[in-house]
Amino acid sequence: MIERRVGAACGAMYVVVLVVAGSLGEPQPALSLELLSLTLFLPFAAILSSVLSGRGPRSWLSSTVLAAAIVDTSVKLASIGSGYSALDLPKGPLRQALTEATDASFIITMTPLALLCAAAGFSILRTPVLPRWLGWTGLVTAAALLANGTAIGTADAPAYLLFLLWTLGLSLGLLVSPSARRASQPTEPAGA
């Protein structure tokens, strides 16, 4: 029970830490906070995957949620190095190339996030674990992320803001939904 609450709360903390990082004027602490937020995202994805898991045909959806979160986090972690390296360079072609590589990596992560949202959305709609509106908004968010992810030449990611709002709603849904609490509790084997 406590593990589910901690994992669910990590989703809300992920969003809050990213918003704080984005509001900082200094790039060094912003990168550190971004790293912290990525650390919070994985436990959230793991508990979401656990709550959505089941037997039979829908179990692959929960595995897809976790796999997509891992891919997203891996790409973002790799891009933090180039973003950090660009901070100490004077303005010029190398700094611009590192900055563009960081921006492209961020836009590329929209695709695995779209997969995460679609898998979670379909799973939520197929089961009574979480409110259905989270499933529908997950599918809308997936479509927006997929569209945004094809614009690799830009650093603009309005769909990511939608993803953050959906993640916050999902985190709160995991914290308060009675069916999510039941789904995340281990079941006793028969005859135990």
N, C-alpha and C. Protein backbone atom coordinates (compact mmCIF):
# COMPACT_ATOMS: atom_id res chain seq x y z
N MET A 1 0.82 -1.19 0.00
CA MET A 1 0.00 0.00 0.00
C MET A 1 0.87 1.26 0.00
N ILE A 2 1.87 1.30 0.89
CA ILE A 2 2.74 2.47 0.95
C ILE A 2 3.56 2.61 -0.33
N GLU A 3 3.94 1.48 -0.92
CA GLU A 3 4.72 1.52 -2.16
C GLU A 3 3.90 2.15 -3.28
N ARG A 4 2.61 1.82 -3.34
CA ARG A 4 1.75 2.39 -4.38
C ARG A 4 1.62 3.89 -4.19
N ARG A 5 1.45 4.32 -2.94
CA ARG A 5 1.31 5.75 -2.68
C ARG A 5 2.60 6.51 -3.03
N VAL A 6 3.74 5.94 -2.68
CA VAL A 6 5.01 6.59 -3.00
C VAL A 6 5.19 6.66 -4.52
N GLY A 7 4.93 5.55 -5.21
CA GLY A 7 5.06 5.55 -6.67
C GLY A 7 4.11 6.53 -7.33
N ALA A 8 2.87 6.59 -6.85
CA ALA A 8 1.89 7.52 -7.40
C ALA A 8 2.30 8.96 -7.13
N ALA A 9 2.79 9.23 -5.93
CA ALA A 9 3.23 10.58 -5.58
C ALA A 9 4.44 11.01 -6.41
N CYS A 10 5.26 10.06 -6.82
CA CYS A 10 6.41 10.38 -7.68
C CYS A 10 5.97 11.03 -8.98
N GLY A 11 4.79 10.65 -9.49
CA GLY A 11 4.28 11.28 -10.71
C GLY A 11 4.01 12.76 -10.50
N ALA A 12 3.35 13.11 -9.40
CA ALA A 12 3.07 14.51 -9.11
C ALA A 12 4.37 15.28 -8.86
N MET A 13 5.30 14.65 -8.12
CA MET A 13 6.58 15.32 -7.83
C MET A 13 7.39 15.52 -9.11
N TYR A 14 7.31 14.56 -10.03
CA TYR A 14 7.97 14.68 -11.33
C TYR A 14 7.50 15.96 -12.04
N VAL A 15 6.20 16.18 -12.07
CA VAL A 15 5.64 17.35 -12.73
C VAL A 15 6.08 18.63 -12.00
N VAL A 16 5.98 18.65 -10.68
CA VAL A 16 6.33 19.84 -9.91
C VAL A 16 7.81 20.19 -10.09
N VAL A 17 8.68 19.19 -10.02
CA VAL A 17 10.11 19.45 -10.15
C VAL A 17 10.44 19.97 -11.55
N LEU A 18 9.78 19.42 -12.59
CA LEU A 18 10.02 19.92 -13.94
C LEU A 18 9.55 21.36 -14.11
N VAL A 19 8.42 21.70 -13.53
CA VAL A 19 7.91 23.07 -13.62
C VAL A 19 8.87 24.02 -12.91
N VAL A 20 9.36 23.63 -11.75
CA VAL A 20 10.33 24.46 -11.03
C VAL A 20 11.61 24.60 -11.86
N ALA A 21 12.09 23.51 -12.43
CA ALA A 21 13.30 23.56 -13.26
C ALA A 21 13.12 24.51 -14.44
N GLY A 22 11.94 24.47 -15.06
CA GLY A 22 11.67 25.34 -16.20
C GLY A 22 11.57 26.80 -15.83
N SER A 23 11.27 27.10 -14.57
CA SER A 23 11.12 28.49 -14.15
C SER A 23 12.44 29.11 -13.68
N LEU A 24 13.46 28.29 -13.52
CA LEU A 24 14.76 28.81 -13.07
C LEU A 24 15.46 29.52 -14.22
N GLY A 25 16.12 30.61 -13.91
CA GLY A 25 16.87 31.33 -14.92
C GLY A 25 18.26 30.75 -15.14
N GLU A 26 18.75 30.04 -14.16
CA GLU A 26 20.10 29.47 -14.24
C GLU A 26 20.05 28.06 -14.82
N PRO A 27 20.81 27.79 -15.88
CA PRO A 27 20.74 26.47 -16.50
C PRO A 27 21.33 25.34 -15.66
N GLN A 28 22.36 25.62 -14.86
CA GLN A 28 23.00 24.57 -14.06
C GLN A 28 22.03 23.92 -13.07
N PRO A 29 21.35 24.71 -12.21
CA PRO A 29 20.40 24.06 -11.30
C PRO A 29 19.19 23.48 -12.04
N ALA A 30 18.82 24.07 -13.16
CA ALA A 30 17.70 23.54 -13.93
C ALA A 30 18.01 22.14 -14.45
N LEU A 31 19.25 21.91 -14.91
CA LEU A 31 19.64 20.57 -15.38
C LEU A 31 19.65 19.57 -14.22
N SER A 32 20.10 20.03 -13.05
CA SER A 32 20.11 19.14 -11.88
C SER A 32 18.68 18.74 -11.50
N LEU A 33 17.76 19.70 -11.54
CA LEU A 33 16.37 19.39 -11.22
C LEU A 33 15.75 18.50 -12.29
N GLU A 34 16.14 18.70 -13.54
CA GLU A 34 15.63 17.83 -14.60
C GLU A 34 16.08 16.39 -14.36
N LEU A 35 17.31 16.23 -13.93
CA LEU A 35 17.82 14.90 -13.60
C LEU A 35 17.02 14.28 -12.45
N LEU A 36 16.72 15.08 -11.43
CA LEU A 36 15.90 14.60 -10.32
C LEU A 36 14.51 14.19 -10.81
N SER A 37 13.93 14.99 -11.70
CA SER A 37 12.58 14.67 -12.18
C SER A 37 12.58 13.34 -12.94
N LEU A 38 13.62 13.07 -13.71
CA LEU A 38 13.70 11.80 -14.44
C LEU A 38 13.80 10.63 -13.46
N THR A 39 14.47 10.86 -12.35
CA THR A 39 14.57 9.82 -11.32
C THR A 39 13.20 9.54 -10.70
N LEU A 40 12.36 10.55 -10.61
CA LEU A 40 11.01 10.38 -10.06
C LEU A 40 10.05 9.73 -11.05
N PHE A 41 10.30 9.93 -12.35
CA PHE A 41 9.38 9.43 -13.37
C PHE A 41 9.34 7.90 -13.42
N LEU A 42 10.46 7.25 -13.24
CA LEU A 42 10.49 5.79 -13.36
C LEU A 42 9.69 5.06 -12.28
N PRO A 43 9.77 5.43 -10.99
CA PRO A 43 8.90 4.75 -10.03
C PRO A 43 7.42 4.98 -10.31
N PHE A 44 7.09 6.17 -10.80
CA PHE A 44 5.70 6.45 -11.17
C PHE A 44 5.25 5.52 -12.30
N ALA A 45 6.09 5.39 -13.33
CA ALA A 45 5.75 4.50 -14.46
C ALA A 45 5.66 3.05 -13.99
N ALA A 46 6.51 2.67 -13.06
CA ALA A 46 6.48 1.29 -12.56
C ALA A 46 5.19 1.00 -11.81
N ILE A 47 4.74 1.94 -10.97
CA ILE A 47 3.50 1.68 -10.23
C ILE A 47 2.31 1.74 -11.18
N LEU A 48 2.34 2.63 -12.15
CA LEU A 48 1.27 2.67 -13.14
C LEU A 48 1.19 1.35 -13.88
N SER A 49 2.34 0.84 -14.30
CA SER A 49 2.39 -0.45 -14.99
C SER A 49 1.85 -1.57 -14.10
N SER A 50 2.20 -1.52 -12.83
CA SER A 50 1.74 -2.54 -11.89
C SER A 50 0.22 -2.49 -11.72
N VAL A 51 -0.33 -1.29 -11.59
CA VAL A 51 -1.77 -1.15 -11.42
C VAL A 51 -2.52 -1.59 -12.67
N LEU A 52 -1.95 -1.31 -13.84
CA LEU A 52 -2.62 -1.65 -15.10
C LEU A 52 -2.39 -3.10 -15.52
N SER A 53 -1.46 -3.78 -14.87
CA SER A 53 -1.14 -5.14 -15.30
C SER A 53 -2.30 -6.08 -15.02
N GLY A 54 -2.34 -7.11 -15.78
CA GLY A 54 -3.39 -8.10 -15.61
C GLY A 54 -3.03 -9.37 -16.35
N ARG A 55 -3.90 -10.30 -16.28
CA ARG A 55 -3.68 -11.56 -17.00
C ARG A 55 -4.31 -11.44 -18.37
N GLY A 56 -3.81 -12.18 -19.30
CA GLY A 56 -4.45 -12.25 -20.60
C GLY A 56 -4.00 -11.16 -21.55
N PRO A 57 -4.89 -10.79 -22.49
CA PRO A 57 -4.50 -9.93 -23.59
C PRO A 57 -4.09 -8.51 -23.21
N ARG A 58 -4.53 -8.00 -22.05
CA ARG A 58 -4.17 -6.62 -21.75
C ARG A 58 -2.83 -6.49 -21.04
N SER A 59 -2.20 -7.58 -20.63
CA SER A 59 -0.96 -7.48 -19.87
C SER A 59 0.17 -6.84 -20.67
N TRP A 60 0.14 -6.99 -21.99
CA TRP A 60 1.20 -6.37 -22.80
C TRP A 60 1.10 -4.84 -22.75
N LEU A 61 -0.08 -4.30 -22.52
CA LEU A 61 -0.22 -2.85 -22.44
C LEU A 61 0.54 -2.29 -21.25
N SER A 62 0.45 -2.95 -20.10
CA SER A 62 1.17 -2.46 -18.92
C SER A 62 2.68 -2.58 -19.11
N SER A 63 3.12 -3.63 -19.78
CA SER A 63 4.56 -3.77 -20.07
C SER A 63 5.01 -2.67 -21.02
N THR A 64 4.16 -2.30 -21.96
CA THR A 64 4.47 -1.23 -22.91
C THR A 64 4.61 0.10 -22.19
N VAL A 65 3.77 0.35 -21.19
CA VAL A 65 3.85 1.58 -20.40
C VAL A 65 5.24 1.70 -19.78
N LEU A 66 5.69 0.65 -19.13
CA LEU A 66 6.99 0.69 -18.46
C LEU A 66 8.14 0.77 -19.46
N ALA A 67 8.07 0.00 -20.54
CA ALA A 67 9.13 0.04 -21.55
C ALA A 67 9.25 1.42 -22.18
N ALA A 68 8.12 2.03 -22.49
CA ALA A 68 8.14 3.37 -23.10
C ALA A 68 8.72 4.40 -22.14
N ALA A 69 8.41 4.27 -20.84
CA ALA A 69 8.98 5.19 -19.84
C ALA A 69 10.49 5.03 -19.76
N ILE A 70 10.96 3.80 -19.86
CA ILE A 70 12.40 3.55 -19.81
C ILE A 70 13.10 4.14 -21.03
N VAL A 71 12.51 3.97 -22.21
CA VAL A 71 13.09 4.56 -23.43
C VAL A 71 13.12 6.07 -23.33
N ASP A 72 12.01 6.67 -22.93
CA ASP A 72 11.94 8.13 -22.77
C ASP A 72 13.02 8.63 -21.82
N THR A 73 13.13 8.01 -20.67
CA THR A 73 14.10 8.42 -19.67
C THR A 73 15.53 8.23 -20.17
N SER A 74 15.78 7.15 -20.87
CA SER A 74 17.13 6.90 -21.40
C SER A 74 17.56 7.97 -22.39
N VAL A 75 16.67 8.33 -23.30
CA VAL A 75 17.00 9.37 -24.29
C VAL A 75 17.22 10.70 -23.59
N LYS A 76 16.37 11.02 -22.62
CA LYS A 76 16.53 12.30 -21.91
C LYS A 76 17.81 12.32 -21.09
N LEU A 77 18.14 11.21 -20.44
CA LEU A 77 19.39 11.16 -19.67
C LEU A 77 20.60 11.34 -20.58
N ALA A 78 20.56 10.73 -21.75
CA ALA A 78 21.67 10.88 -22.69
C ALA A 78 21.80 12.32 -23.17
N SER A 79 20.69 13.01 -23.32
CA SER A 79 20.75 14.38 -23.83
C SER A 79 21.19 15.39 -22.77
N ILE A 80 21.06 15.05 -21.50
CA ILE A 80 21.50 15.97 -20.45
C ILE A 80 23.00 16.23 -20.56
N GLY A 81 23.75 15.21 -20.95
CA GLY A 81 25.21 15.40 -21.11
C GLY A 81 25.56 16.45 -22.14
N SER A 82 24.90 16.41 -23.29
CA SER A 82 25.20 17.42 -24.32
C SER A 82 24.70 18.79 -23.89
N GLY A 83 23.57 18.85 -23.20
CA GLY A 83 23.08 20.13 -22.71
C GLY A 83 24.02 20.72 -21.67
N TYR A 84 24.53 19.88 -20.80
CA TYR A 84 25.47 20.33 -19.78
C TYR A 84 26.78 20.81 -20.43
N SER A 85 27.25 20.05 -21.41
CA SER A 85 28.51 20.42 -22.09
C SER A 85 28.38 21.76 -22.80
N ALA A 86 27.21 22.05 -23.33
CA ALA A 86 27.01 23.30 -24.07
C ALA A 86 27.06 24.52 -23.15
N LEU A 87 26.80 24.34 -21.86
CA LEU A 87 26.77 25.48 -20.93
C LEU A 87 28.11 26.20 -20.84
N ASP A 88 29.20 25.47 -20.88
CA ASP A 88 30.52 26.07 -20.68
C ASP A 88 31.18 26.55 -21.97
N LEU A 89 30.55 26.30 -23.09
CA LEU A 89 31.14 26.69 -24.37
C LEU A 89 30.75 28.11 -24.74
N PRO A 90 31.69 28.81 -25.41
CA PRO A 90 31.31 30.14 -25.93
C PRO A 90 30.33 29.97 -27.09
N LYS A 91 29.59 31.02 -27.37
CA LYS A 91 28.65 30.95 -28.50
C LYS A 91 29.44 30.66 -29.77
N GLY A 92 28.90 29.71 -30.52
CA GLY A 92 29.57 29.31 -31.75
C GLY A 92 28.94 28.05 -32.29
N PRO A 93 29.53 27.48 -33.34
CA PRO A 93 28.91 26.32 -33.99
C PRO A 93 28.84 25.07 -33.09
N LEU A 94 29.84 24.84 -32.25
CA LEU A 94 29.81 23.64 -31.40
C LEU A 94 28.71 23.75 -30.35
N ARG A 95 28.62 24.91 -29.71
CA ARG A 95 27.55 25.11 -28.73
C ARG A 95 26.18 24.98 -29.38
N GLN A 96 26.04 25.55 -30.57
CA GLN A 96 24.76 25.46 -31.28
C GLN A 96 24.43 24.01 -31.63
N ALA A 97 25.43 23.25 -32.05
CA ALA A 97 25.20 21.85 -32.41
C ALA A 97 24.77 21.03 -31.19
N LEU A 98 25.43 21.26 -30.05
CA LEU A 98 25.06 20.53 -28.83
C LEU A 98 23.66 20.92 -28.35
N THR A 99 23.34 22.19 -28.46
CA THR A 99 22.00 22.66 -28.08
C THR A 99 20.94 22.06 -28.99
N GLU A 100 21.21 22.02 -30.30
CA GLU A 100 20.26 21.44 -31.23
C GLU A 100 20.11 19.94 -31.01
N ALA A 101 21.20 19.27 -30.66
CA ALA A 101 21.11 17.83 -30.37
C ALA A 101 20.24 17.59 -29.13
N THR A 102 20.39 18.43 -28.12
CA THR A 102 19.58 18.32 -26.91
C THR A 102 18.10 18.56 -27.24
N ASP A 103 17.83 19.60 -28.03
CA ASP A 103 16.45 19.90 -28.42
C ASP A 103 15.83 18.77 -29.23
N ALA A 104 16.61 18.22 -30.16
CA ALA A 104 16.11 17.12 -31.00
C ALA A 104 15.82 15.88 -30.13
N SER A 105 16.68 15.61 -29.16
CA SER A 105 16.44 14.47 -28.26
C SER A 105 15.14 14.64 -27.49
N PHE A 106 14.88 15.86 -27.04
CA PHE A 106 13.65 16.13 -26.32
C PHE A 106 12.43 15.88 -27.20
N ILE A 107 12.46 16.36 -28.42
CA ILE A 107 11.33 16.16 -29.34
C ILE A 107 11.19 14.67 -29.68
N ILE A 108 12.29 13.97 -29.83
CA ILE A 108 12.24 12.53 -30.13
C ILE A 108 11.53 11.76 -29.02
N THR A 109 11.66 12.22 -27.77
CA THR A 109 11.01 11.51 -26.66
C THR A 109 9.49 11.60 -26.70
N MET A 110 8.96 12.47 -27.54
CA MET A 110 7.50 12.55 -27.66
C MET A 110 6.92 11.24 -28.18
N THR A 111 7.68 10.51 -29.00
CA THR A 111 7.18 9.26 -29.56
C THR A 111 7.02 8.17 -28.50
N PRO A 112 8.04 7.87 -27.67
CA PRO A 112 7.80 6.88 -26.62
C PRO A 112 6.76 7.35 -25.60
N LEU A 113 6.69 8.65 -25.35
CA LEU A 113 5.65 9.14 -24.44
C LEU A 113 4.26 8.94 -25.04
N ALA A 114 4.15 9.11 -26.36
CA ALA A 114 2.87 8.84 -27.03
C ALA A 114 2.48 7.38 -26.87
N LEU A 115 3.46 6.49 -27.01
CA LEU A 115 3.21 5.06 -26.83
C LEU A 115 2.77 4.77 -25.40
N LEU A 116 3.43 5.38 -24.43
CA LEU A 116 3.07 5.22 -23.02
C LEU A 116 1.62 5.66 -22.80
N CYS A 117 1.27 6.84 -23.29
CA CYS A 117 -0.09 7.37 -23.09
C CYS A 117 -1.13 6.50 -23.78
N ALA A 118 -0.83 6.04 -24.99
CA ALA A 118 -1.79 5.20 -25.71
C ALA A 118 -1.99 3.87 -24.99
N ALA A 119 -0.90 3.24 -24.57
CA ALA A 119 -1.02 1.95 -23.87
C ALA A 119 -1.77 2.12 -22.55
N ALA A 120 -1.44 3.16 -21.79
CA ALA A 120 -2.14 3.40 -20.53
C ALA A 120 -3.60 3.75 -20.80
N GLY A 121 -3.84 4.59 -21.79
CA GLY A 121 -5.21 4.98 -22.11
C GLY A 121 -6.09 3.81 -22.48
N PHE A 122 -5.60 2.95 -23.37
CA PHE A 122 -6.38 1.77 -23.76
C PHE A 122 -6.60 0.83 -22.57
N SER A 123 -5.57 0.67 -21.75
CA SER A 123 -5.70 -0.21 -20.59
C SER A 123 -6.71 0.35 -19.59
N ILE A 124 -6.67 1.65 -19.36
CA ILE A 124 -7.62 2.27 -18.44
C ILE A 124 -9.05 2.12 -18.95
N LEU A 125 -9.24 2.27 -20.26
CA LEU A 125 -10.58 2.14 -20.83
C LEU A 125 -11.11 0.71 -20.78
N ARG A 126 -10.22 -0.25 -20.75
CA ARG A 126 -10.63 -1.66 -20.76
C ARG A 126 -10.87 -2.22 -19.37
N THR A 127 -10.43 -1.51 -18.35
CA THR A 127 -10.58 -2.01 -16.98
C THR A 127 -11.15 -0.91 -16.10
N PRO A 128 -11.75 -1.26 -14.99
CA PRO A 128 -12.30 -0.25 -14.08
C PRO A 128 -11.30 0.23 -13.03
N VAL A 129 -10.01 0.13 -13.32
CA VAL A 129 -8.99 0.44 -12.32
C VAL A 129 -8.92 1.94 -12.02
N LEU A 130 -9.03 2.77 -13.04
CA LEU A 130 -8.95 4.22 -12.89
C LEU A 130 -10.13 4.86 -13.62
N PRO A 131 -10.43 6.11 -13.32
CA PRO A 131 -11.54 6.78 -14.01
C PRO A 131 -11.34 6.79 -15.54
N ARG A 132 -12.43 6.58 -16.26
CA ARG A 132 -12.37 6.50 -17.72
C ARG A 132 -11.85 7.78 -18.37
N TRP A 133 -12.09 8.93 -17.75
CA TRP A 133 -11.63 10.17 -18.35
C TRP A 133 -10.11 10.18 -18.47
N LEU A 134 -9.41 9.48 -17.57
CA LEU A 134 -7.96 9.38 -17.68
C LEU A 134 -7.56 8.56 -18.91
N GLY A 135 -8.37 7.57 -19.25
CA GLY A 135 -8.11 6.80 -20.46
C GLY A 135 -8.30 7.63 -21.72
N TRP A 136 -9.43 8.35 -21.78
CA TRP A 136 -9.69 9.17 -22.96
C TRP A 136 -8.67 10.30 -23.10
N THR A 137 -8.35 10.96 -22.00
CA THR A 137 -7.36 12.04 -22.09
C THR A 137 -5.97 11.49 -22.39
N GLY A 138 -5.71 10.26 -21.97
CA GLY A 138 -4.44 9.62 -22.33
C GLY A 138 -4.33 9.41 -23.83
N LEU A 139 -5.42 9.01 -24.47
CA LEU A 139 -5.42 8.81 -25.92
C LEU A 139 -5.28 10.14 -26.67
N VAL A 140 -5.95 11.18 -26.18
CA VAL A 140 -5.81 12.51 -26.80
C VAL A 140 -4.37 13.00 -26.65
N THR A 141 -3.82 12.80 -25.47
CA THR A 141 -2.42 13.20 -25.22
C THR A 141 -1.47 12.42 -26.11
N ALA A 142 -1.74 11.14 -26.31
CA ALA A 142 -0.90 10.32 -27.19
C ALA A 142 -0.89 10.87 -28.61
N ALA A 143 -2.07 11.24 -29.12
CA ALA A 143 -2.16 11.79 -30.47
C ALA A 143 -1.39 13.11 -30.58
N ALA A 144 -1.52 13.96 -29.57
CA ALA A 144 -0.81 15.24 -29.58
C ALA A 144 0.70 15.03 -29.51
N LEU A 145 1.14 14.11 -28.67
CA LEU A 145 2.58 13.82 -28.56
C LEU A 145 3.13 13.26 -29.86
N LEU A 146 2.38 12.38 -30.49
CA LEU A 146 2.83 11.81 -31.75
C LEU A 146 2.98 12.89 -32.82
N ALA A 147 2.01 13.79 -32.89
CA ALA A 147 2.09 14.90 -33.85
C ALA A 147 3.27 15.80 -33.53
N ASN A 148 3.47 16.11 -32.26
CA ASN A 148 4.58 16.97 -31.84
C ASN A 148 5.93 16.29 -32.07
N GLY A 149 5.97 14.98 -31.93
CA GLY A 149 7.22 14.23 -32.08
C GLY A 149 7.74 14.16 -33.50
N THR A 150 6.90 14.51 -34.46
CA THR A 150 7.37 14.50 -35.86
C THR A 150 8.04 15.82 -36.24
N ALA A 151 7.98 16.82 -35.38
CA ALA A 151 8.57 18.14 -35.66
C ALA A 151 9.96 18.22 -35.05
N ILE A 152 10.89 17.41 -35.56
CA ILE A 152 12.21 17.31 -34.94
C ILE A 152 13.03 18.59 -35.06
N GLY A 153 12.77 19.42 -36.04
CA GLY A 153 13.55 20.65 -36.20
C GLY A 153 13.17 21.77 -35.26
N THR A 154 12.33 21.54 -34.30
CA THR A 154 11.90 22.58 -33.38
C THR A 154 12.16 22.17 -31.94
N ALA A 155 12.19 23.16 -31.07
CA ALA A 155 12.32 22.87 -29.64
C ALA A 155 10.98 23.08 -28.94
N ASP A 156 9.96 23.48 -29.70
CA ASP A 156 8.63 23.72 -29.14
C ASP A 156 7.91 22.39 -28.92
N ALA A 157 7.36 22.21 -27.73
CA ALA A 157 6.69 20.96 -27.42
C ALA A 157 5.42 21.24 -26.62
N PRO A 158 4.39 21.83 -27.24
CA PRO A 158 3.16 22.09 -26.50
C PRO A 158 2.49 20.80 -26.02
N ALA A 159 2.67 19.71 -26.74
CA ALA A 159 2.06 18.44 -26.32
C ALA A 159 2.66 17.95 -25.01
N TYR A 160 3.89 18.33 -24.73
CA TYR A 160 4.53 17.91 -23.49
C TYR A 160 3.81 18.52 -22.28
N LEU A 161 3.33 19.75 -22.44
CA LEU A 161 2.56 20.37 -21.36
C LEU A 161 1.28 19.59 -21.10
N LEU A 162 0.64 19.12 -22.17
CA LEU A 162 -0.54 18.28 -22.03
C LEU A 162 -0.18 16.98 -21.32
N PHE A 163 0.98 16.40 -21.67
CA PHE A 163 1.45 15.18 -21.01
C PHE A 163 1.67 15.42 -19.51
N LEU A 164 2.24 16.55 -19.16
CA LEU A 164 2.47 16.85 -17.74
C LEU A 164 1.14 16.97 -16.98
N LEU A 165 0.16 17.62 -17.60
CA LEU A 165 -1.16 17.73 -16.96
C LEU A 165 -1.81 16.36 -16.79
N TRP A 166 -1.71 15.53 -17.83
CA TRP A 166 -2.26 14.18 -17.76
C TRP A 166 -1.56 13.36 -16.68
N THR A 167 -0.24 13.49 -16.61
CA THR A 167 0.54 12.77 -15.60
C THR A 167 0.12 13.20 -14.20
N LEU A 168 -0.08 14.49 -14.00
CA LEU A 168 -0.53 14.98 -12.71
C LEU A 168 -1.91 14.40 -12.36
N GLY A 169 -2.83 14.41 -13.32
CA GLY A 169 -4.15 13.82 -13.10
C GLY A 169 -4.07 12.34 -12.81
N LEU A 170 -3.21 11.65 -13.54
CA LEU A 170 -3.03 10.21 -13.34
C LEU A 170 -2.44 9.91 -11.97
N SER A 171 -1.47 10.71 -11.57
CA SER A 171 -0.85 10.54 -10.26
C SER A 171 -1.89 10.71 -9.15
N LEU A 172 -2.70 11.74 -9.27
CA LEU A 172 -3.75 11.97 -8.27
C LEU A 172 -4.80 10.86 -8.32
N GLY A 173 -5.13 10.40 -9.54
CA GLY A 173 -6.07 9.30 -9.68
C GLY A 173 -5.57 8.03 -9.02
N LEU A 174 -4.28 7.76 -9.15
CA LEU A 174 -3.69 6.59 -8.51
C LEU A 174 -3.72 6.71 -6.99
N LEU A 175 -3.59 7.93 -6.50
CA LEU A 175 -3.59 8.14 -5.05
C LEU A 175 -4.97 7.99 -4.44
N VAL A 176 -6.02 8.39 -5.16
CA VAL A 176 -7.35 8.42 -4.54
C VAL A 176 -8.30 7.32 -5.03
N SER A 177 -8.01 6.67 -6.14
CA SER A 177 -8.93 5.68 -6.69
C SER A 177 -8.92 4.40 -5.86
N PRO A 178 -10.09 4.00 -5.31
CA PRO A 178 -10.14 2.76 -4.54
C PRO A 178 -9.81 1.54 -5.38
N SER A 179 -10.23 1.52 -6.64
CA SER A 179 -9.95 0.36 -7.48
C SER A 179 -8.46 0.27 -7.82
N ALA A 180 -7.78 1.41 -7.92
CA ALA A 180 -6.33 1.39 -8.15
C ALA A 180 -5.62 0.84 -6.92
N ARG A 181 -6.15 1.17 -5.74
CA ARG A 181 -5.55 0.63 -4.51
C ARG A 181 -5.69 -0.88 -4.47
N ARG A 182 -6.89 -1.38 -4.82
CA ARG A 182 -7.09 -2.83 -4.82
C ARG A 182 -6.22 -3.50 -5.88
N ALA A 183 -6.09 -2.90 -7.06
CA ALA A 183 -5.33 -3.51 -8.14
C ALA A 183 -3.85 -3.61 -7.83
N SER A 184 -3.34 -2.69 -7.03
CA SER A 184 -1.90 -2.70 -6.75
C SER A 184 -1.54 -3.56 -5.53
N GLN A 185 -2.56 -4.06 -4.81
CA GLN A 185 -2.25 -4.90 -3.65
C GLN A 185 -2.01 -6.34 -4.12
N PRO A 186 -1.02 -7.00 -3.53
CA PRO A 186 -0.75 -8.38 -3.91
C PRO A 186 -1.93 -9.27 -3.53
N THR A 187 -2.16 -10.26 -4.34
CA THR A 187 -3.25 -11.20 -4.05
C THR A 187 -2.68 -12.44 -3.39
N GLU A 188 -3.44 -12.98 -2.48
CA GLU A 188 -3.03 -14.19 -1.78
C GLU A 188 -3.31 -15.40 -2.69
N PRO A 189 -2.36 -16.34 -2.77
CA PRO A 189 -2.64 -17.54 -3.54
C PRO A 189 -3.78 -18.33 -2.90
N ALA A 190 -4.51 -19.07 -3.72
CA ALA A 190 -5.63 -19.86 -3.22
C ALA A 190 -5.12 -20.88 -2.20
N GLY A 191 -5.82 -21.00 -1.10
CA GLY A 191 -5.47 -21.97 -0.08
C GLY A 191 -4.42 -21.48 0.89
N ALA A 192 -4.05 -20.19 0.81
CA ALA A 192 -3.03 -19.68 1.73
C ALA A 192 -3.63 -19.30 3.05
